[in-house]
Protein backbone atom coordinates (compact mmCIF):
# COMPACT_ATOMS: atom_id res chain seq x y z
CA MET A 1 0.00 0.00 0.00
CA ALA A 2 2.81 2.44 0.91
CA MET A 3 4.59 1.93 -2.44
CA THR A 4 1.33 2.50 -4.30
CA GLY A 5 0.73 5.73 -2.36
CA LEU A 6 4.25 7.01 -3.05
CA SER A 7 3.75 6.26 -6.74
CA MET A 8 0.55 8.33 -6.71
CA LEU A 9 2.45 11.28 -5.22
CA ALA A 10 5.31 10.88 -7.72
CA LEU A 11 2.86 11.03 -10.61
CA ALA A 12 1.32 14.19 -9.16
CA LEU A 13 4.57 16.16 -8.93
CA PRO A 14 5.03 16.75 -12.71
CA MET A 15 1.42 17.93 -12.87
CA SER A 16 2.23 20.63 -10.31
CA THR A 17 4.13 22.66 -12.93
CA ALA A 18 0.77 23.95 -14.11
CA PHE A 19 0.43 25.54 -10.68
CA ALA A 20 4.05 26.82 -10.39
CA GLN A 21 4.36 29.88 -8.16
CA SER A 22 6.92 32.68 -7.64
CA ASN A 23 8.22 34.58 -4.63
CA ILE A 24 6.58 37.69 -3.16
CA TYR A 25 9.80 39.70 -3.68
CA ASN A 26 11.59 39.88 -7.02
CA ASP A 27 15.34 40.31 -7.54
CA ASN A 28 15.04 44.09 -7.17
CA GLY A 29 13.41 43.75 -3.77
CA GLU A 30 10.07 44.96 -5.11
CA LEU A 31 7.05 43.83 -3.10
CA TYR A 32 3.92 42.30 -4.57
CA VAL A 33 0.45 41.84 -3.07
CA ASP A 34 -0.76 38.26 -3.43
CA GLU A 35 -4.39 37.64 -4.18
CA ASP A 36 -4.81 35.84 -0.85
CA VAL A 37 -7.48 33.38 -1.99
CA VAL A 38 -7.59 29.62 -2.41
CA ILE A 39 -6.73 28.48 -5.95
CA ARG A 40 -7.09 25.13 -7.72
CA LYS A 41 -4.18 23.07 -6.45
CA LEU A 42 -2.99 19.47 -6.20
CA TYR A 43 -2.05 18.01 -2.83
CA GLY A 44 -0.86 14.71 -1.44
CA GLY A 45 -0.69 13.29 2.05
CA ILE A 46 -0.15 10.28 4.28
CA GLY A 47 -1.85 9.38 7.55
CA LEU A 48 -1.54 6.92 10.41
CA GLY A 49 -4.30 5.93 12.80
CA ILE A 50 -6.27 3.29 14.59
CA SER A 51 -9.31 1.34 13.39
CA ALA A 52 -12.22 -0.50 14.96
CA LEU A 53 -13.06 -3.59 12.87
CA GLU A 54 -16.05 -5.77 13.71
CA PRO A 55 -16.95 -8.35 11.05
CA ASP A 56 -20.35 -9.96 11.55
CA THR A 57 -19.82 -13.32 13.31
CA SER A 58 -23.40 -13.81 14.50
CA ASP A 59 -24.03 -16.67 12.05
CA VAL A 60 -20.79 -18.54 12.86
CA PRO A 61 -21.06 -20.60 16.07
CA GLY A 62 -18.00 -20.50 18.33
CA VAL A 63 -16.38 -17.52 16.54
CA ASP A 64 -16.31 -14.01 17.98
CA ASN A 65 -14.35 -10.77 17.63
CA LYS A 66 -11.46 -10.05 19.96
CA ALA A 67 -11.71 -6.69 21.72
CA GLY A 68 -9.13 -4.06 20.79
CA SER A 69 -8.08 -1.65 18.09
CA ASN A 70 -5.84 -2.02 15.05
CA PHE A 71 -3.18 0.15 13.45
CA GLY A 72 -3.84 1.46 9.96
CA GLY A 73 -2.49 3.84 7.35
CA GLN A 74 -3.73 5.82 4.37
CA VAL A 75 -2.29 7.77 1.42
CA MET A 76 -4.22 10.55 -0.27
CA LEU A 77 -4.06 12.47 -3.55
CA GLY A 78 -6.48 15.33 -4.07
CA MET A 79 -7.23 18.72 -5.57
CA ASP A 80 -8.71 21.88 -4.08
CA ILE A 81 -11.50 22.97 -6.44
CA ASN A 82 -12.68 26.14 -4.66
CA LYS A 83 -13.15 27.44 -1.15
CA TRP A 84 -16.04 25.04 -0.51
CA LEU A 85 -14.87 21.83 -2.16
CA SER A 86 -11.94 19.45 -2.62
CA ILE A 87 -11.88 16.10 -4.45
CA GLU A 88 -9.66 13.34 -3.04
CA GLY A 89 -8.63 9.79 -3.88
CA HIS A 90 -7.36 7.54 -1.10
CA LEU A 91 -5.88 4.09 -0.52
CA ALA A 92 -6.03 2.70 3.02
CA SER A 93 -4.99 -0.37 4.98
CA LEU A 94 -7.17 -0.58 8.10
CA GLY A 95 -5.39 -3.48 9.82
CA GLU A 96 -6.70 -6.94 10.69
CA ALA A 97 -9.77 -7.89 12.75
CA GLN A 98 -8.68 -10.58 15.21
CA LEU A 99 -11.10 -13.45 15.79
CA GLU A 100 -11.53 -15.89 18.62
CA PRO A 101 -10.44 -18.64 18.95
CA THR A 102 -8.02 -18.05 16.03
CA GLY A 103 -7.48 -16.25 12.76
CA GLY A 104 -8.31 -12.85 11.43
CA ILE A 105 -9.64 -10.83 8.48
CA GLY A 106 -7.62 -8.00 6.93
CA TYR A 107 -9.27 -4.82 5.63
CA SER A 108 -8.05 -2.54 2.84
CA THR A 109 -9.96 -0.04 0.74
CA ILE A 110 -9.56 2.26 -2.23
CA GLY A 111 -11.98 5.06 -3.04
CA ALA A 112 -12.72 8.71 -3.75
CA SER A 113 -14.34 11.44 -1.67
CA ALA A 114 -15.67 14.96 -1.85
CA LEU A 115 -14.63 17.21 1.05
CA ALA A 116 -16.89 20.15 1.98
CA TYR A 117 -14.96 22.83 3.89
CA ALA A 118 -16.24 25.27 6.52
CA GLY A 119 -14.58 27.99 8.60
CA ARG A 120 -13.19 31.50 8.32
CA SER A 121 -9.90 30.33 6.72
CA ARG A 122 -11.26 28.12 3.94
CA HIS A 123 -10.98 30.92 1.32
CA LEU A 124 -7.32 31.79 2.09
CA TYR A 125 -4.34 30.76 -0.03
CA ASN A 126 -3.51 27.09 0.78
CA ARG A 127 -6.51 27.23 3.21
CA ARG A 128 -4.06 28.80 5.68
CA GLY A 129 -5.26 28.41 9.30
CA PHE A 130 -7.91 26.18 10.88
CA THR A 131 -10.79 24.75 8.84
CA GLY A 132 -13.31 22.00 9.38
CA PHE A 133 -14.48 19.58 6.72
CA ALA A 134 -17.04 16.85 6.11
CA ARG A 135 -16.29 13.88 3.85
CA LEU A 136 -18.65 11.91 1.59
CA GLY A 137 -17.31 9.24 -0.74
CA PHE A 138 -17.47 5.86 -2.40
CA GLY A 139 -15.04 2.97 -2.01
CA LEU A 140 -14.17 -0.64 -2.76
CA LEU A 141 -13.40 -2.85 0.26
CA ASN A 142 -11.08 -5.85 0.06
CA ASN A 143 -10.96 -8.49 2.81
CA SER A 144 -8.13 -11.00 3.17
CA PRO A 145 -8.37 -13.94 5.68
CA THR A 146 -5.56 -15.47 7.73
CA ASP A 147 -5.25 -18.99 9.20
CA ASN A 148 -7.71 -20.31 6.60
CA VAL A 149 -10.65 -18.42 8.07
CA GLU A 150 -13.75 -18.97 5.95
CA PHE A 151 -15.80 -15.85 5.33
CA GLU A 152 -18.29 -14.39 2.86
CA GLN A 153 -18.02 -10.78 1.68
CA LEU A 154 -21.58 -9.57 1.22
CA ASN A 155 -20.79 -6.29 -0.50
CA SER A 156 -17.43 -5.01 -1.73
CA THR A 157 -18.67 -1.47 -2.40
CA HIS A 158 -19.58 1.04 0.29
CA LEU A 159 -20.34 4.66 1.02
CA LEU A 160 -17.97 6.36 3.43
CA LEU A 161 -18.62 9.28 5.75
CA GLY A 162 -16.17 11.36 7.75
CA ALA A 163 -15.43 14.64 9.45
CA GLY A 164 -12.27 16.33 10.63
CA LEU A 165 -10.23 19.41 11.42
CA GLU A 166 -7.38 20.74 9.27
CA TYR A 167 -4.61 23.24 10.07
CA ALA A 168 -2.57 24.48 7.09
CA LEU A 169 0.45 26.75 6.72
CA ARG A 170 0.97 29.29 3.94
CA ASP A 171 3.86 27.28 2.47
CA GLY A 172 1.54 24.35 1.67
CA ILE A 173 2.16 22.00 4.61
CA GLY A 174 -0.99 20.94 6.43
CA PHE A 175 -2.12 18.66 9.25
CA ARG A 176 -5.40 16.81 9.73
CA ALA A 177 -7.24 14.94 12.45
CA GLU A 178 -10.31 13.07 11.24
CA ALA A 179 -12.66 10.14 11.73
CA ILE A 180 -14.00 8.02 8.85
CA ALA A 181 -16.68 5.32 8.76
CA PHE A 182 -15.88 3.05 5.78
CA ASP A 183 -18.74 0.67 6.48
CA THR A 184 -20.86 -0.50 9.40
CA ASP A 185 -18.04 -2.82 10.50
CA ALA A 186 -15.02 -0.55 9.79
CA GLN A 187 -14.35 2.78 11.52
CA TYR A 188 -11.04 4.63 11.39
CA MET A 189 -9.44 7.64 13.12
CA GLN A 190 -6.17 9.12 11.90
CA LEU A 191 -3.66 11.96 12.05
CA SER A 192 -2.17 12.91 8.71
CA VAL A 193 0.29 15.33 7.14
CA MET A 194 -0.23 16.76 3.67
CA TYR A 195 1.38 19.15 1.20
CA ARG A 196 -0.22 21.41 -1.39
CA ILE A 197 2.09 21.39 -4.39
CA GLY A 198 3.57 24.50 -5.99
CA ARG A 199 3.87 28.21 -5.29
CA ARG A 200 1.97 31.26 -6.56
CA THR A 201 2.22 32.45 -10.19
CA ASP A 202 2.57 36.04 -11.40
CA GLN A 203 -1.12 35.88 -12.30
CA GLY A 204 -1.96 35.61 -8.61
CA ARG A 205 -0.31 38.80 -7.42
CA ARG A 206 -0.33 42.53 -8.00
CA LYS A 207 2.66 44.85 -7.83
CA ILE A 208 2.39 47.59 -5.25
CA VAL A 209 5.96 48.88 -5.24
CA GLU A 210 7.03 51.06 -8.12
CA ALA A 211 9.97 53.35 -8.69
CA PRO A 212 9.27 56.61 -6.87
CA ALA A 213 8.03 59.39 -9.13
CA PRO A 214 10.24 62.50 -9.28
CA ALA A 215 9.22 65.20 -6.86
CA PRO A 216 7.17 67.94 -8.54
CA LEU A 217 8.92 71.20 -9.21
CA PRO A 218 7.95 74.05 -6.86
CA LYS A 219 5.31 76.32 -8.20
CA PRO A 220 6.70 79.75 -9.12
CA ALA A 221 5.31 82.58 -7.13
CA PRO A 222 2.94 84.72 -9.19
CA ALA A 223 4.43 87.90 -10.58
CA PRO A 224 3.38 91.08 -8.77
CA VAL A 225 0.75 93.16 -10.49
CA ALA A 226 2.14 96.32 -11.88
CA ALA A 227 0.86 99.50 -10.26
CA PRO A 228 -1.43 101.50 -12.51
CA LYS A 229 -0.10 104.69 -13.96
CA PRO A 230 -1.46 107.73 -12.18
CA ALA A 231 -4.05 109.68 -14.07
CA PRO A 232 -2.90 113.15 -15.20
CA VAL A 233 -4.85 115.03 -12.60
CA VAL A 234 -3.81 117.62 -10.13
CA ALA A 235 -4.26 115.27 -7.14
CA PRO A 236 -3.61 111.73 -8.41
CA PRO A 237 -5.00 108.89 -6.24
CA VAL A 238 -2.62 106.53 -4.44
CA PRO A 239 -2.12 103.48 -6.70
CA ALA A 240 -3.35 100.13 -5.31
CA VAL A 241 -0.67 97.50 -4.69
CA VAL A 242 -1.53 93.80 -5.18
CA VAL A 243 0.44 91.54 -2.80
CA ALA A 244 1.25 88.10 -4.18
CA LYS A 245 0.34 85.12 -1.95
CA VAL A 246 3.48 83.47 -0.60
CA ASP A 247 4.03 79.71 -0.10
CA SER A 248 7.53 79.50 1.35
CA ASP A 249 7.73 75.70 1.66
CA THR A 250 5.94 75.05 -1.66
CA ASP A 251 3.51 72.59 -0.09
CA GLY A 252 0.46 74.12 -1.77
CA VAL A 253 -0.76 75.97 1.34
CA ASN A 254 -0.15 79.73 1.54
CA ASP A 255 1.89 80.98 4.49
CA ALA A 256 -1.11 82.83 5.91
CA GLN A 257 -2.96 79.52 6.43
CA ASP A 258 0.11 77.24 6.90
CA ARG A 259 0.39 75.93 10.49
CA CYS A 260 3.50 73.91 9.62
CA PRO A 261 5.60 76.34 7.54
CA ASN A 262 8.71 74.14 7.21
CA THR A 263 7.33 71.08 5.42
CA GLN A 264 9.98 69.10 3.51
CA PRO A 265 9.70 69.16 -0.31
CA GLY A 266 7.44 66.48 -1.76
CA VAL A 267 5.70 65.61 1.54
CA ALA A 268 1.89 65.42 1.35
CA VAL A 269 0.09 67.80 3.71
CA ASP A 270 -3.46 68.42 4.90
CA ASN A 271 -5.55 71.56 4.44
CA VAL A 272 -3.50 73.54 6.99
CA GLY A 273 -0.08 72.53 5.66
CA CYS A 274 0.88 69.77 8.16
CA ASP A 275 2.06 66.23 7.32
CA LEU A 276 -0.81 63.84 6.64
CA PHE A 277 1.03 61.16 8.60
CA THR A 278 3.65 61.90 11.25
CA GLY A 279 5.75 58.76 11.01
CA VAL A 280 5.01 56.06 13.60
CA ILE A 281 1.31 55.05 13.54
CA GLU A 282 0.43 54.10 17.09
CA GLY A 283 -1.83 51.09 17.53
CA VAL A 284 -1.02 49.27 14.27
CA ASN A 285 -0.18 46.01 16.03
CA PHE A 286 -0.02 42.35 15.02
CA ASN A 287 -0.62 39.03 16.71
CA SER A 288 2.59 37.88 18.42
CA GLY A 289 5.20 36.52 16.02
CA SER A 290 2.92 36.88 12.97
CA ALA A 291 1.79 39.36 10.32
CA ASP A 292 -1.90 39.08 11.23
CA LEU A 293 -3.40 42.48 12.09
CA THR A 294 -5.26 42.78 15.39
CA PRO A 295 -8.89 44.01 15.28
CA SER A 296 -7.87 47.36 16.81
CA ALA A 297 -5.15 47.77 14.16
CA GLN A 298 -7.75 47.20 11.44
CA GLY A 299 -9.87 49.96 12.97
CA ILE A 300 -6.92 52.39 12.83
CA LEU A 301 -6.18 51.44 9.21
CA SER A 302 -9.83 52.10 8.31
CA GLY A 303 -9.16 55.71 9.35
CA VAL A 304 -6.09 55.72 7.09
CA VAL A 305 -8.30 54.58 4.20
CA SER A 306 -10.66 57.51 4.86
CA THR A 307 -7.74 59.96 4.86
CA LEU A 308 -6.33 58.57 1.59
CA ASN A 309 -9.78 58.80 0.00
CA ARG A 310 -9.89 62.53 0.87
CA PHE A 311 -6.51 63.05 -0.80
CA PRO A 312 -6.66 60.87 -3.94
CA THR A 313 -3.33 62.07 -5.38
CA VAL A 314 -1.28 61.16 -2.31
CA LYS A 315 1.07 58.16 -2.43
CA LEU A 316 1.98 56.28 0.75
CA SER A 317 5.15 54.48 1.87
CA ILE A 318 4.65 51.76 4.53
CA MET A 319 7.70 50.87 6.63
CA ALA A 320 7.66 48.06 9.21
CA HIS A 321 10.35 47.47 11.87
CA THR A 322 11.11 44.91 14.59
CA ASP A 323 13.31 44.79 17.68
CA SER A 324 16.61 42.84 17.74
CA GLN A 325 15.36 39.72 19.52
CA GLY A 326 15.63 36.55 17.46
CA ASP A 327 17.33 35.86 14.13
CA SER A 328 17.97 39.01 12.06
CA ASN A 329 16.95 37.39 8.77
CA ALA A 330 13.72 36.11 10.31
CA ASN A 331 13.06 39.59 11.74
CA LYS A 332 13.53 41.19 8.34
CA GLN A 333 11.17 38.70 6.69
CA LEU A 334 8.61 39.25 9.45
CA SER A 335 8.78 43.03 8.93
CA ARG A 336 8.32 42.56 5.18
CA ASP A 337 5.28 40.36 5.81
CA ARG A 338 3.84 42.94 8.20
CA ALA A 339 4.32 45.82 5.75
CA ARG A 340 2.64 43.70 3.09
CA SER A 341 -0.22 42.85 5.47
CA VAL A 342 -0.92 46.58 5.98
CA ALA A 343 -0.77 47.19 2.22
CA VAL A 344 -3.14 44.28 1.53
CA TYR A 345 -5.67 45.66 4.04
CA LEU A 346 -5.60 49.11 2.40
CA VAL A 347 -5.96 47.64 -1.11
CA ARG A 348 -8.88 45.45 -0.07
CA ASN A 349 -10.63 48.49 1.35
CA GLY A 350 -10.48 50.53 -1.84
CA VAL A 351 -7.01 52.13 -1.99
CA SER A 352 -5.33 51.71 -5.38
CA ALA A 353 -2.26 49.47 -5.23
CA LYS A 354 -0.44 51.96 -7.48
CA ARG A 355 -0.47 54.46 -4.61
CA LEU A 356 1.40 52.17 -2.18
CA LYS A 357 4.99 51.18 -1.49
CA ALA A 358 5.87 48.75 1.30
CA TYR A 359 9.23 48.07 2.94
CA GLY A 360 10.41 45.81 5.76
CA TYR A 361 13.61 46.86 7.57
CA GLY A 362 13.67 44.30 10.40
CA GLU A 363 15.95 45.45 13.20
CA GLU A 364 18.13 47.72 11.00
CA ARG A 365 16.64 51.10 12.02
CA PRO A 366 15.99 51.21 15.79
CA ILE A 367 14.71 54.44 17.35
CA ASP A 368 15.49 53.35 20.93
CA THR A 369 17.67 50.88 22.79
CA ASN A 370 16.99 47.16 22.43
CA GLU A 371 18.37 46.53 25.93
CA THR A 372 15.08 47.31 27.70
CA ALA A 373 11.49 46.12 27.23
CA ALA A 374 10.31 49.73 26.77
CA GLY A 375 12.91 50.37 24.07
CA ARG A 376 12.12 47.17 22.22
CA SER A 377 8.42 48.08 22.30
CA LYS A 378 9.20 51.39 20.56
CA ASN A 379 11.34 49.65 17.95
CA ARG A 380 8.45 47.31 17.00
CA ARG A 381 6.55 49.83 14.89
CA VAL A 382 4.90 50.70 11.59
CA GLU A 383 5.65 54.08 9.98
CA PHE A 384 3.81 55.92 7.18
CA ARG A 385 5.24 58.55 4.88
CA ALA A 386 2.90 60.36 2.48
CA ALA A 387 4.16 62.00 -0.70
CA ARG A 388 2.51 64.19 -3.33
């Protein structure tokens, strides 16, 4: 059975080229937003478990089933169709039912199932996270006796029912715990590991980092209006002088209304001339050790969406940082994932991806010491920079 299962997986691997994927970052370090949805994908897996086998011995005098469970194994080959449904073929050895006073009957089965998924993570790429599923399928059961036990197989075909829980990682590895009833006399519980084959293609992502546009040239101050020539009268009136409006920092807000008169060139400002975003955005937090935004962080980012909608020409840089605890390469990757997570949230809520750039700096740019808990807390941050 094991060799047959490995052969099934080997045949599936060449097929996975149709689902070949590429990294989130290209060679230039540019960041892409993945379409974070489940796609049609092949997967394979293997499981180990225990079975309860109870062949009907009621018509055989002096023969009964021994109490106890049996070890079994199963290999699987399937395909995710959409967020609701997967189709799966499976080959299983369920062990041997021991009989009293002697002998036994082995059970093996081959079949196919439809898996109906439920849960908040079923629509994510590689079904990342926890999902539940129900199984309905059809199979062929084969029984093999030992010690010359005489038996009669009444029906080799059967419907199978099952249910389980699956936890999957973004890289394609997944784990399952499930129970399956192959027939009235064969029940099976197993733990299994699986792998969804291939990585994301260019068709499944959108670029959100582009080369920065050159800063606009400062607007020239309007030329002063020439004073009118005095009329040739004995007492000429005093000529009116038109004063040109002055915008010293060229941010588009005249000095008379500018509350922040020293804005740096190219920085986007609000209606009174102050930066739209002041750097560190307090409250944009993530679940520990992950790039998953907390509910309060999503509320803050909803306010950012509203601000960007009021200033449709503004472009935004997103910069994520970590403290120095842990491996530096892992910290940099985590900061990249967190910057991308913020960008994905903004894009999904209506902000054009062309307006966003996202960077992850890891522990490279601390703003406080990493020797204290308070300093490390400040270094774990997300910063925004808005540009015109």
